[in-house]
Amino acid sequence: MENLRVIDVSEHQGTINWDAVKGHIDGAILRCGYGDNIASQDDKQWKRNADECTRLGIPFGVYIYSYATSDAQAKSEAEHVLRMVSGYKLSYPIYLDLEQAGTENGAIQRANIFGDIIEKAGYWCGVYANTNWWTNYLVGLERFVKWVAQYNSVCTYQGTYDIWQYTSGGSVPGISGNVDMNHCYR
């Protein structure tokens, strides 16, 4: 099984020196924003990060942090991602990040609405969540590529998954401070 070293980043990592990062990773998943399709919720480093990965040939995918509690918000989040990724070539899926407290009820239905829109637009869709969410709130959601978060030396999630986020305290040259680190098996 392949084990690619993938980071995920957002504006919280500040201005990344992608030239320095390039030799230390196999890919990146970039946050494009959070929530509804409004410009104030775009990730402030998205365009720069996507442009730099494109320039350097670093394979990348995208995630959006979800706080949807309605079908309409799930649609808006999908539209948000599609607005942001227009013009970019993605090597990894578009992930819906499900972890916001208070959004558990109906999360599967909203993930399916999001995924329908993303897939209809021709993209590969995935879902990110921690082991608690996968075990308690997303049971049966097998349609999408799974990205599991569990900060541990082994991933104990019992289902199948393609990416495991194993720490938020990683270090990569070119990034000041901590960065999320992932093992990607596909």
Protein backbone atom coordinates (compact mmCIF):
# COMPACT_ATOMS: atom_id res chain seq x y z
CA MET A 1 0.00 0.00 0.00
CA GLU A 2 1.32 3.41 -0.97
CA ASN A 3 2.04 5.84 1.84
CA LEU A 4 2.29 9.39 0.57
CA ARG A 5 3.20 12.28 2.86
CA VAL A 6 0.48 14.92 2.55
CA ILE A 7 0.00 18.14 4.50
CA ASP A 8 -3.17 20.14 4.90
CA VAL A 9 -2.94 23.89 5.30
CA SER A 10 -4.99 27.05 5.60
CA GLU A 11 -4.44 30.73 6.29
CA HIS A 12 -3.48 29.65 9.83
CA GLN A 13 -0.07 28.59 8.49
CA GLY A 14 0.53 32.12 7.19
CA THR A 15 2.60 32.72 4.06
CA ILE A 16 4.14 29.38 3.14
CA ASN A 17 7.49 29.07 1.34
CA TRP A 18 6.35 26.40 -1.10
CA ASP A 19 9.78 26.19 -2.75
CA ALA A 20 11.15 24.97 0.61
CA VAL A 21 8.15 22.70 1.25
CA LYS A 22 8.24 20.94 -2.13
CA GLY A 23 10.98 18.39 -1.46
CA HIS A 24 9.44 17.25 1.82
CA ILE A 25 5.88 16.32 0.81
CA ASP A 26 4.05 14.31 -1.83
CA GLY A 27 0.96 16.53 -1.87
CA ALA A 28 -1.19 19.07 -0.07
CA ILE A 29 -4.83 19.63 0.75
CA LEU A 30 -5.60 23.33 0.82
CA ARG A 31 -8.47 24.95 2.64
CA CYS A 32 -10.39 27.13 0.20
CA GLY A 33 -12.70 28.56 2.85
CA TYR A 34 -15.41 27.79 5.33
CA GLY A 35 -19.17 27.74 5.19
CA ASP A 36 -21.45 29.66 2.90
CA ASN A 37 -20.52 30.98 -0.53
CA ILE A 38 -19.54 34.49 0.50
CA ALA A 39 -16.17 36.09 -0.20
CA SER A 40 -15.52 37.00 3.45
CA GLN A 41 -15.36 33.25 4.17
CA ASP A 42 -12.73 32.47 1.53
CA ASP A 43 -9.41 31.29 3.00
CA LYS A 44 -7.08 34.30 2.81
CA GLN A 45 -4.15 32.15 1.56
CA TRP A 46 -6.14 29.91 -0.82
CA LYS A 47 -5.26 31.60 -4.11
CA ARG A 48 -1.59 31.99 -3.24
CA ASN A 49 -1.33 28.39 -1.99
CA ALA A 50 -3.13 27.00 -5.06
CA ASP A 51 -1.04 29.15 -7.42
CA GLU A 52 2.22 28.08 -5.75
CA CYS A 53 1.31 24.37 -5.80
CA THR A 54 0.38 24.75 -9.47
CA ARG A 55 3.63 26.57 -10.28
CA LEU A 56 5.77 23.95 -8.52
CA GLY A 57 3.84 20.89 -9.69
CA ILE A 58 2.80 19.91 -6.16
CA PRO A 59 -0.33 17.72 -6.37
CA PHE A 60 -3.15 19.22 -4.33
CA GLY A 61 -6.76 18.88 -3.31
CA VAL A 62 -9.15 21.10 -1.43
CA TYR A 63 -11.22 21.15 1.72
CA ILE A 64 -13.96 23.40 3.02
CA TYR A 65 -14.82 23.61 6.71
CA SER A 66 -18.55 22.98 6.99
CA TYR A 67 -20.94 24.51 9.46
CA ALA A 68 -24.08 23.70 7.46
CA THR A 69 -27.22 22.89 9.42
CA SER A 70 -29.58 22.97 6.42
CA ASP A 71 -29.80 21.59 2.90
CA ALA A 72 -29.55 25.15 1.54
CA GLN A 73 -26.28 25.71 3.43
CA ALA A 74 -24.87 22.41 2.10
CA LYS A 75 -25.62 23.64 -1.45
CA SER A 76 -24.02 26.99 -0.67
CA GLU A 77 -20.88 25.28 0.64
CA ALA A 78 -20.59 23.24 -2.57
CA GLU A 79 -21.03 26.40 -4.64
CA HIS A 80 -18.35 28.06 -2.49
CA VAL A 81 -15.84 25.32 -3.34
CA LEU A 82 -16.71 25.32 -7.04
CA ARG A 83 -16.22 29.09 -7.20
CA MET A 84 -12.78 28.74 -5.58
CA VAL A 85 -11.46 25.79 -7.62
CA SER A 86 -12.49 27.18 -11.00
CA GLY A 87 -9.44 27.17 -13.26
CA TYR A 88 -7.33 24.82 -11.11
CA LYS A 89 -6.39 21.21 -11.81
CA LEU A 90 -6.89 19.09 -8.69
CA SER A 91 -4.97 15.87 -8.04
CA TYR A 92 -6.77 15.02 -4.79
CA PRO A 93 -10.48 15.17 -3.96
CA ILE A 94 -12.58 18.07 -2.76
CA TYR A 95 -13.24 17.28 0.90
CA LEU A 96 -16.14 18.35 3.08
CA ASP A 97 -14.71 18.87 6.58
CA LEU A 98 -17.30 17.69 9.13
CA GLU A 99 -16.42 18.46 12.72
CA GLN A 100 -18.46 21.50 13.79
CA ALA A 101 -20.38 20.85 17.02
CA GLY A 102 -24.12 21.21 16.48
CA THR A 103 -24.05 19.98 12.86
CA GLU A 104 -24.09 16.25 13.62
CA ASN A 105 -27.83 15.75 13.06
CA GLY A 106 -28.45 15.40 9.30
CA ALA A 107 -24.74 15.44 8.43
CA ILE A 108 -25.04 12.43 6.11
CA GLN A 109 -27.90 14.00 4.13
CA ARG A 110 -25.99 17.28 3.77
CA ALA A 111 -22.80 15.42 2.76
CA ASN A 112 -24.76 13.68 0.01
CA ILE A 113 -26.20 16.99 -1.23
CA PHE A 114 -22.70 18.51 -1.24
CA GLY A 115 -21.27 15.45 -2.99
CA ASP A 116 -23.99 15.41 -5.67
CA ILE A 117 -23.09 18.98 -6.66
CA ILE A 118 -19.32 18.41 -6.56
CA GLU A 119 -19.53 15.19 -8.58
CA LYS A 120 -21.96 16.68 -11.11
CA ALA A 121 -19.32 19.38 -11.72
CA GLY A 122 -16.83 16.60 -12.56
CA TYR A 123 -14.79 16.50 -9.35
CA TRP A 124 -13.87 13.68 -6.97
CA CYS A 125 -15.53 14.16 -3.56
CA GLY A 126 -14.40 13.10 -0.10
CA VAL A 127 -15.36 13.64 3.52
CA TYR A 128 -13.03 14.53 6.40
CA ALA A 129 -14.00 13.74 9.99
CA ASN A 130 -12.46 12.42 13.17
CA THR A 131 -12.97 8.86 14.39
CA ASN A 132 -15.78 9.95 16.75
CA TRP A 133 -17.77 11.41 13.84
CA TRP A 134 -17.12 8.42 11.56
CA THR A 135 -18.15 6.01 14.33
CA ASN A 136 -21.17 7.89 15.69
CA TYR A 137 -22.59 10.32 13.10
CA LEU A 138 -21.44 9.18 9.66
CA VAL A 139 -22.14 5.45 9.89
CA GLY A 140 -23.07 4.12 6.47
CA LEU A 141 -21.58 7.05 4.52
CA GLU A 142 -19.48 4.86 2.25
CA ARG A 143 -20.00 6.75 -1.01
CA PHE A 144 -17.07 9.13 -0.65
CA VAL A 145 -13.33 8.89 -0.17
CA LYS A 146 -12.68 8.98 3.59
CA TRP A 147 -10.14 11.17 5.35
CA VAL A 148 -9.92 10.16 9.01
CA ALA A 149 -8.43 12.33 11.76
CA GLN A 150 -6.97 10.57 14.78
CA TYR A 151 -3.88 11.95 16.49
CA ASN A 152 -2.20 8.72 17.43
CA SER A 153 0.62 6.36 16.43
CA VAL A 154 -1.94 4.09 14.72
CA CYS A 155 -5.37 4.73 13.27
CA THR A 156 -7.91 2.61 15.11
CA TYR A 157 -10.87 3.48 12.87
CA GLN A 158 -12.46 0.18 11.83
CA GLY A 159 -13.70 1.21 8.38
CA THR A 160 -11.79 1.78 5.16
CA TYR A 161 -10.13 5.13 4.56
CA ASP A 162 -7.75 6.73 2.10
CA ILE A 163 -6.08 9.41 4.21
CA TRP A 164 -5.20 9.41 7.91
CA GLN A 165 -4.43 12.72 9.61
CA TYR A 166 -2.15 11.60 12.42
CA THR A 167 -0.96 14.85 13.98
CA SER A 168 -1.57 18.58 14.06
CA GLY A 169 1.94 19.12 15.42
CA GLY A 170 4.00 18.30 12.35
CA SER A 171 6.94 20.28 11.04
CA VAL A 172 7.91 20.92 7.43
CA PRO A 173 10.63 23.27 6.14
CA GLY A 174 9.00 26.37 4.66
CA ILE A 175 6.14 26.47 7.17
CA SER A 176 6.45 28.44 10.41
CA GLY A 177 4.83 26.61 13.30
CA ASN A 178 2.85 23.38 13.33
CA VAL A 179 1.20 21.76 10.35
CA ASP A 180 -1.25 18.88 10.01
CA MET A 181 0.41 15.72 8.68
CA ASN A 182 -1.33 12.89 6.85
CA HIS A 183 -0.57 9.46 5.46
CA CYS A 184 -2.28 9.05 2.08
CA TYR A 185 -2.73 5.49 0.89
CA ARG A 186 -4.14 6.16 -2.57
